[in-house]
Amino acid sequence: MGLMSLIFSKGRKEGLYVVREADVPGYGLLAIMKSLDCIGAVCPRPQLFVTKVLEELKAGDVIEVISDNPTSVEGFPFLAQALNCDFLVSVREEGFWRVYLRKS
């Protein structure tokens, strides 16, 4: 088995590749199906990206949004309600947040 097949065979889940696994506070280890880098993006761009990505995923899939914009981060719980998905948690790190949402 070659190096590339080893890399891409790990985390395979029903036809989709898991970007990575993350230890999400309060939820434990979760498979992150998509990770969106929204560093430098301001409202409403991160929300538009999330809306588009959620359309591509299946119920139960988790996405991670990385943002350095406090206003965008504050809006994700409300966006989750509007899109009928679950806002799991936002985690503050130095210089940015990681926001986790699960598609319902």
Protein backbone atom coordinates (compact mmCIF):
# COMPACT_ATOMS: atom_id res chain seq x y z
CA MET A 1 0.00 0.00 0.00
CA GLY A 2 1.44 3.35 -1.04
CA LEU A 3 1.71 6.47 1.08
CA MET A 4 -1.18 8.25 -0.68
CA SER A 5 -3.55 5.31 -0.23
CA LEU A 6 -2.66 5.20 3.47
CA ILE A 7 -3.42 8.90 3.84
CA PHE A 8 -6.73 8.79 1.99
CA SER A 9 -8.00 5.51 3.41
CA LYS A 10 -7.94 6.85 6.98
CA GLY A 11 -11.15 8.47 8.11
CA ARG A 12 -13.26 7.29 5.18
CA LYS A 13 -16.93 7.45 6.12
CA GLU A 14 -19.71 6.42 3.72
CA GLY A 15 -18.17 7.88 0.59
CA LEU A 16 -16.90 11.07 2.17
CA TYR A 17 -13.46 11.81 3.53
CA VAL A 18 -13.19 13.01 7.09
CA VAL A 19 -11.01 16.08 7.14
CA ARG A 20 -9.88 15.24 10.66
CA GLU A 21 -11.05 14.25 14.09
CA ALA A 22 -11.33 16.87 16.81
CA ASP A 23 -11.79 16.68 20.55
CA VAL A 24 -14.75 19.03 20.90
CA PRO A 25 -15.41 20.25 24.47
CA GLY A 26 -18.58 18.66 25.80
CA TYR A 27 -18.87 16.22 22.86
CA GLY A 28 -15.61 14.25 22.85
CA LEU A 29 -13.90 13.07 19.70
CA LEU A 30 -15.92 14.00 16.58
CA ALA A 31 -15.30 13.34 12.90
CA ILE A 32 -15.12 16.70 11.14
CA MET A 33 -16.45 16.25 7.61
CA LYS A 34 -15.53 19.75 6.40
CA SER A 35 -13.34 22.47 7.83
CA LEU A 36 -13.92 26.01 6.57
CA ASP A 37 -11.14 28.55 6.90
CA CYS A 38 -12.88 31.91 7.17
CA ILE A 39 -9.92 33.84 8.56
CA GLY A 40 -10.18 37.42 7.30
CA ALA A 41 -13.77 37.00 6.07
CA VAL A 42 -16.43 39.32 7.49
CA CYS A 43 -20.21 38.98 7.70
CA PRO A 44 -22.02 37.62 5.86
CA ARG A 45 -19.32 35.65 4.01
CA PRO A 46 -18.70 32.97 6.68
CA GLN A 47 -22.44 32.41 7.03
CA LEU A 48 -22.84 32.07 3.27
CA PHE A 49 -19.98 29.54 3.14
CA VAL A 50 -21.60 27.51 5.93
CA THR A 51 -25.00 27.56 4.22
CA LYS A 52 -23.46 26.23 1.01
CA VAL A 53 -21.41 23.51 2.73
CA LEU A 54 -24.36 22.30 4.82
CA GLU A 55 -26.31 21.68 1.61
CA GLU A 56 -23.63 19.18 0.54
CA LEU A 57 -23.58 17.19 3.80
CA LYS A 58 -25.77 14.50 5.29
CA ALA A 59 -27.66 14.64 8.57
CA GLY A 60 -25.33 14.11 11.50
CA ASP A 61 -22.22 15.42 9.73
CA VAL A 62 -20.14 17.97 11.65
CA ILE A 63 -18.40 20.99 10.18
CA GLU A 64 -15.77 23.21 11.73
CA VAL A 65 -15.60 26.91 10.93
CA ILE A 66 -12.41 28.79 11.74
CA SER A 67 -12.98 32.53 12.03
CA ASP A 68 -11.21 35.55 13.46
CA ASN A 69 -14.27 37.80 13.20
CA PRO A 70 -16.16 38.13 16.53
CA THR A 71 -19.36 39.31 14.85
CA SER A 72 -19.43 36.26 12.58
CA VAL A 73 -18.82 33.93 15.51
CA GLU A 74 -21.66 35.53 17.50
CA GLY A 75 -24.02 34.93 14.57
CA PHE A 76 -23.49 31.17 14.23
CA PRO A 77 -25.99 30.06 16.93
CA PHE A 78 -28.71 32.07 15.20
CA LEU A 79 -27.67 30.78 11.77
CA ALA A 80 -27.80 27.22 13.08
CA GLN A 81 -31.39 27.74 14.23
CA ALA A 82 -32.38 29.21 10.87
CA LEU A 83 -30.75 26.32 8.97
CA ASN A 84 -32.20 23.65 11.26
CA CYS A 85 -28.79 22.44 12.41
CA ASP A 86 -27.17 22.18 15.82
CA PHE A 87 -24.69 24.72 17.11
CA LEU A 88 -22.36 22.59 19.20
CA VAL A 89 -19.78 24.99 20.61
CA SER A 90 -17.33 27.75 19.79
CA VAL A 91 -13.81 27.37 21.11
CA ARG A 92 -11.61 30.45 21.53
CA GLU A 93 -7.99 30.02 20.57
CA GLU A 94 -5.28 32.64 20.27
CA GLY A 95 -6.35 34.92 17.43
CA PHE A 96 -9.39 32.94 16.22
CA TRP A 97 -12.35 30.73 17.10
CA ARG A 98 -13.29 27.21 16.07
CA VAL A 99 -17.05 26.85 15.68
CA TYR A 100 -18.65 23.41 15.42
CA LEU A 101 -22.05 22.79 13.79
CA ARG A 102 -23.90 19.51 13.17
CA LYS A 103 -26.37 19.13 10.33
CA SER A 104 -29.76 17.91 11.57
